[in-house]
Amino acid sequence: MENTFNINDFDKDRHATPASFPQCRAIGYKFAKKGTVMNWRLQKQIQGCMYGLAKENRLTFKKADSLLKGKTLPKVYFDKIKLYLDQKDS
């Protein structure tokens, strides 16, 4: 499937706004899939982490686009997920 998204089609003001829910979901899909197998639990955890950051204005539209273009999700996001799960368990 060809990627038809081009961030330059959006005005510069949109780049600084919070990431959209579809972007957060796409990040989850991209980084939770290993080969042909989707880890659905990890997908939801990544999606939730990204959307939580977007709601706090800590994940911008432009930053989400750069994450989608990357090959791996930075470790800082996995650390945030682990911290959340550890706090939830205690």
N, C-alpha and C. Protein backbone atom coordinates (compact mmCIF):
# COMPACT_ATOMS: atom_id res chain seq x y z
N MET A 1 0.83 -1.17 0.00
CA MET A 1 0.00 0.00 0.00
C MET A 1 0.88 1.24 0.00
N GLU A 2 0.58 2.14 -0.86
CA GLU A 2 1.36 3.35 -1.00
C GLU A 2 0.94 4.39 0.03
N ASN A 3 1.90 5.07 0.61
CA ASN A 3 1.62 6.13 1.57
C ASN A 3 1.33 7.41 0.79
N THR A 4 0.11 7.89 0.90
CA THR A 4 -0.28 9.09 0.17
C THR A 4 -0.31 10.32 1.07
N PHE A 5 0.08 10.16 2.33
CA PHE A 5 0.08 11.28 3.27
C PHE A 5 1.29 12.16 3.03
N ASN A 6 1.06 13.46 2.94
CA ASN A 6 2.15 14.41 2.80
C ASN A 6 1.90 15.55 3.78
N ILE A 7 2.77 15.68 4.76
CA ILE A 7 2.57 16.69 5.79
C ILE A 7 2.62 18.10 5.20
N ASN A 8 3.28 18.27 4.09
CA ASN A 8 3.38 19.59 3.48
C ASN A 8 2.05 20.05 2.87
N ASP A 9 1.09 19.15 2.75
CA ASP A 9 -0.25 19.53 2.28
C ASP A 9 -1.03 20.28 3.35
N PHE A 10 -0.55 20.25 4.58
CA PHE A 10 -1.22 20.91 5.69
C PHE A 10 -0.54 22.26 5.95
N ASP A 11 -1.32 23.22 6.43
CA ASP A 11 -0.72 24.53 6.70
C ASP A 11 0.22 24.43 7.91
N LYS A 12 1.12 25.36 8.01
CA LYS A 12 2.16 25.34 9.05
C LYS A 12 1.57 25.42 10.45
N ASP A 13 0.40 26.06 10.60
CA ASP A 13 -0.23 26.15 11.92
C ASP A 13 -0.65 24.77 12.42
N ARG A 14 -1.02 23.89 11.51
CA ARG A 14 -1.47 22.54 11.88
C ARG A 14 -0.31 21.71 12.43
N HIS A 15 0.90 22.00 12.00
CA HIS A 15 2.07 21.23 12.44
C HIS A 15 2.28 21.31 13.94
N ALA A 16 1.91 22.42 14.56
CA ALA A 16 2.14 22.61 15.99
C ALA A 16 0.97 22.14 16.86
N THR A 17 -0.13 21.75 16.25
CA THR A 17 -1.29 21.30 17.02
C THR A 17 -1.07 19.86 17.48
N PRO A 18 -1.86 19.39 18.45
CA PRO A 18 -1.69 18.01 18.91
C PRO A 18 -1.92 16.99 17.80
N ALA A 19 -1.27 15.87 17.93
CA ALA A 19 -1.43 14.77 16.97
C ALA A 19 -2.88 14.31 16.96
N SER A 20 -3.33 13.85 15.82
CA SER A 20 -4.71 13.37 15.70
C SER A 20 -4.80 11.92 16.18
N PHE A 21 -6.02 11.50 16.51
CA PHE A 21 -6.22 10.12 16.94
C PHE A 21 -5.81 9.13 15.85
N PRO A 22 -6.17 9.38 14.56
CA PRO A 22 -5.71 8.44 13.53
C PRO A 22 -4.18 8.33 13.44
N GLN A 23 -3.47 9.41 13.71
CA GLN A 23 -2.01 9.33 13.72
C GLN A 23 -1.54 8.44 14.87
N CYS A 24 -2.13 8.62 16.03
CA CYS A 24 -1.76 7.81 17.20
C CYS A 24 -2.03 6.34 16.94
N ARG A 25 -3.17 6.06 16.32
CA ARG A 25 -3.52 4.68 15.99
C ARG A 25 -2.53 4.10 14.98
N ALA A 26 -2.15 4.89 13.98
CA ALA A 26 -1.21 4.42 12.96
C ALA A 26 0.16 4.12 13.57
N ILE A 27 0.59 4.93 14.52
CA ILE A 27 1.87 4.67 15.20
C ILE A 27 1.79 3.34 15.93
N GLY A 28 0.67 3.08 16.59
CA GLY A 28 0.49 1.81 17.28
C GLY A 28 0.54 0.63 16.33
N TYR A 29 -0.16 0.75 15.20
CA TYR A 29 -0.14 -0.33 14.21
C TYR A 29 1.26 -0.57 13.67
N LYS A 30 1.95 0.52 13.38
CA LYS A 30 3.27 0.38 12.75
C LYS A 30 4.27 -0.33 13.66
N PHE A 31 4.30 0.06 14.92
CA PHE A 31 5.37 -0.45 15.79
C PHE A 31 4.98 -1.69 16.59
N ALA A 32 3.74 -2.14 16.49
CA ALA A 32 3.34 -3.36 17.20
C ALA A 32 3.35 -4.58 16.28
N LYS A 33 3.56 -4.35 15.01
CA LYS A 33 3.55 -5.46 14.05
C LYS A 33 4.97 -5.98 13.84
N LYS A 34 5.13 -7.26 14.05
CA LYS A 34 6.42 -7.93 13.83
C LYS A 34 6.22 -8.94 12.71
N GLY A 35 6.78 -8.63 11.56
CA GLY A 35 6.57 -9.48 10.39
C GLY A 35 5.12 -9.38 9.95
N THR A 36 4.43 -10.52 9.98
CA THR A 36 3.01 -10.52 9.60
C THR A 36 2.09 -10.63 10.81
N VAL A 37 2.67 -10.67 12.02
CA VAL A 37 1.89 -10.88 13.24
C VAL A 37 1.75 -9.56 14.00
N MET A 38 0.50 -9.22 14.33
CA MET A 38 0.22 -8.01 15.10
C MET A 38 0.09 -8.37 16.57
N ASN A 39 0.81 -7.66 17.41
CA ASN A 39 0.68 -7.78 18.86
C ASN A 39 -0.37 -6.76 19.28
N TRP A 40 -1.62 -7.18 19.39
CA TRP A 40 -2.73 -6.26 19.62
C TRP A 40 -2.63 -5.56 20.97
N ARG A 41 -2.14 -6.24 21.97
CA ARG A 41 -2.00 -5.60 23.29
C ARG A 41 -0.99 -4.45 23.20
N LEU A 42 0.15 -4.70 22.57
CA LEU A 42 1.16 -3.65 22.41
C LEU A 42 0.63 -2.52 21.55
N GLN A 43 -0.15 -2.85 20.53
CA GLN A 43 -0.72 -1.81 19.67
C GLN A 43 -1.58 -0.86 20.48
N LYS A 44 -2.44 -1.40 21.33
CA LYS A 44 -3.31 -0.56 22.16
C LYS A 44 -2.51 0.23 23.18
N GLN A 45 -1.45 -0.36 23.72
CA GLN A 45 -0.62 0.36 24.68
C GLN A 45 0.09 1.55 24.02
N ILE A 46 0.65 1.32 22.84
CA ILE A 46 1.32 2.41 22.12
C ILE A 46 0.30 3.48 21.73
N GLN A 47 -0.83 3.06 21.21
CA GLN A 47 -1.87 4.01 20.81
C GLN A 47 -2.32 4.86 22.00
N GLY A 48 -2.53 4.23 23.15
CA GLY A 48 -2.95 4.94 24.34
C GLY A 48 -1.89 5.92 24.83
N CYS A 49 -0.64 5.50 24.78
CA CYS A 49 0.46 6.36 25.18
C CYS A 49 0.52 7.59 24.28
N MET A 50 0.46 7.36 22.98
CA MET A 50 0.54 8.47 22.02
C MET A 50 -0.64 9.43 22.17
N TYR A 51 -1.84 8.87 22.33
CA TYR A 51 -3.02 9.73 22.44
C TYR A 51 -3.01 10.51 23.75
N GLY A 52 -2.53 9.88 24.82
CA GLY A 52 -2.40 10.59 26.09
C GLY A 52 -1.44 11.76 25.98
N LEU A 53 -0.32 11.55 25.31
CA LEU A 53 0.63 12.64 25.10
C LEU A 53 0.04 13.73 24.22
N ALA A 54 -0.73 13.34 23.20
CA ALA A 54 -1.35 14.32 22.31
C ALA A 54 -2.36 15.17 23.08
N LYS A 55 -3.13 14.54 23.96
CA LYS A 55 -4.12 15.29 24.74
C LYS A 55 -3.46 16.27 25.71
N GLU A 56 -2.24 15.96 26.12
CA GLU A 56 -1.49 16.85 27.00
C GLU A 56 -0.65 17.86 26.21
N ASN A 57 -0.83 17.88 24.90
CA ASN A 57 -0.07 18.76 23.98
C ASN A 57 1.42 18.48 24.02
N ARG A 58 1.79 17.23 24.26
CA ARG A 58 3.19 16.84 24.30
C ARG A 58 3.59 16.02 23.07
N LEU A 59 2.63 15.75 22.19
CA LEU A 59 2.91 15.06 20.93
C LEU A 59 2.22 15.86 19.83
N THR A 60 3.02 16.53 19.02
CA THR A 60 2.46 17.38 17.98
C THR A 60 2.20 16.58 16.70
N PHE A 61 1.43 17.19 15.84
CA PHE A 61 1.12 16.63 14.53
C PHE A 61 2.42 16.32 13.77
N LYS A 62 3.37 17.26 13.82
CA LYS A 62 4.64 17.10 13.11
C LYS A 62 5.49 16.00 13.73
N LYS A 63 5.53 15.93 15.06
CA LYS A 63 6.30 14.89 15.75
C LYS A 63 5.73 13.50 15.45
N ALA A 64 4.40 13.40 15.43
CA ALA A 64 3.77 12.12 15.10
C ALA A 64 4.13 11.71 13.68
N ASP A 65 4.16 12.67 12.77
CA ASP A 65 4.54 12.37 11.39
C ASP A 65 5.98 11.86 11.33
N SER A 66 6.87 12.48 12.10
CA SER A 66 8.27 12.03 12.09
C SER A 66 8.40 10.63 12.71
N LEU A 67 7.58 10.32 13.73
CA LEU A 67 7.61 8.97 14.30
C LEU A 67 7.15 7.94 13.27
N LEU A 68 6.13 8.29 12.50
CA LEU A 68 5.62 7.37 11.48
C LEU A 68 6.64 7.12 10.37
N LYS A 69 7.50 8.08 10.13
CA LYS A 69 8.53 7.92 9.09
C LYS A 69 9.74 7.15 9.61
N GLY A 70 9.88 7.02 10.92
CA GLY A 70 11.03 6.34 11.51
C GLY A 70 10.93 4.83 11.41
N LYS A 71 12.03 4.18 11.65
CA LYS A 71 12.08 2.71 11.58
C LYS A 71 11.70 2.05 12.90
N THR A 72 12.03 2.72 14.01
CA THR A 72 11.71 2.16 15.33
C THR A 72 11.12 3.25 16.21
N LEU A 73 10.33 2.82 17.17
CA LEU A 73 9.76 3.75 18.14
C LEU A 73 10.81 4.00 19.21
N PRO A 74 11.11 5.27 19.51
CA PRO A 74 12.13 5.56 20.51
C PRO A 74 11.82 4.91 21.87
N LYS A 75 12.88 4.53 22.55
CA LYS A 75 12.77 3.81 23.83
C LYS A 75 11.99 4.60 24.87
N VAL A 76 12.03 5.92 24.81
CA VAL A 76 11.35 6.75 25.80
C VAL A 76 9.86 6.44 25.85
N TYR A 77 9.26 6.09 24.74
CA TYR A 77 7.82 5.78 24.71
C TYR A 77 7.54 4.42 25.33
N PHE A 78 8.43 3.45 25.09
CA PHE A 78 8.26 2.15 25.74
C PHE A 78 8.45 2.28 27.25
N ASP A 79 9.36 3.18 27.66
CA ASP A 79 9.56 3.42 29.10
C ASP A 79 8.31 4.04 29.71
N LYS A 80 7.64 4.94 29.00
CA LYS A 80 6.40 5.55 29.50
C LYS A 80 5.31 4.49 29.67
N ILE A 81 5.22 3.59 28.71
CA ILE A 81 4.22 2.52 28.79
C ILE A 81 4.52 1.62 29.99
N LYS A 82 5.80 1.25 30.15
CA LYS A 82 6.19 0.38 31.27
C LYS A 82 5.90 1.06 32.60
N LEU A 83 6.22 2.35 32.72
CA LEU A 83 5.96 3.08 33.95
C LEU A 83 4.47 3.11 34.26
N TYR A 84 3.65 3.34 33.24
CA TYR A 84 2.20 3.36 33.43
C TYR A 84 1.70 1.99 33.92
N LEU A 85 2.17 0.93 33.29
CA LEU A 85 1.73 -0.41 33.68
C LEU A 85 2.19 -0.76 35.09
N ASP A 86 3.40 -0.35 35.45
CA ASP A 86 3.90 -0.61 36.80
C ASP A 86 3.07 0.14 37.85
N GLN A 87 2.70 1.39 37.55
CA GLN A 87 1.88 2.17 38.47
C GLN A 87 0.48 1.60 38.58
N LYS A 88 -0.03 1.09 37.49
CA LYS A 88 -1.38 0.51 37.47
C LYS A 88 -1.43 -0.76 38.31
N ASP A 89 -0.36 -1.55 38.28
CA ASP A 89 -0.31 -2.81 39.03
C ASP A 89 -0.18 -2.60 40.53
N SER A 90 0.40 -1.49 40.94
CA SER A 90 0.61 -1.29 42.38
C SER A 90 -0.51 -0.53 43.04
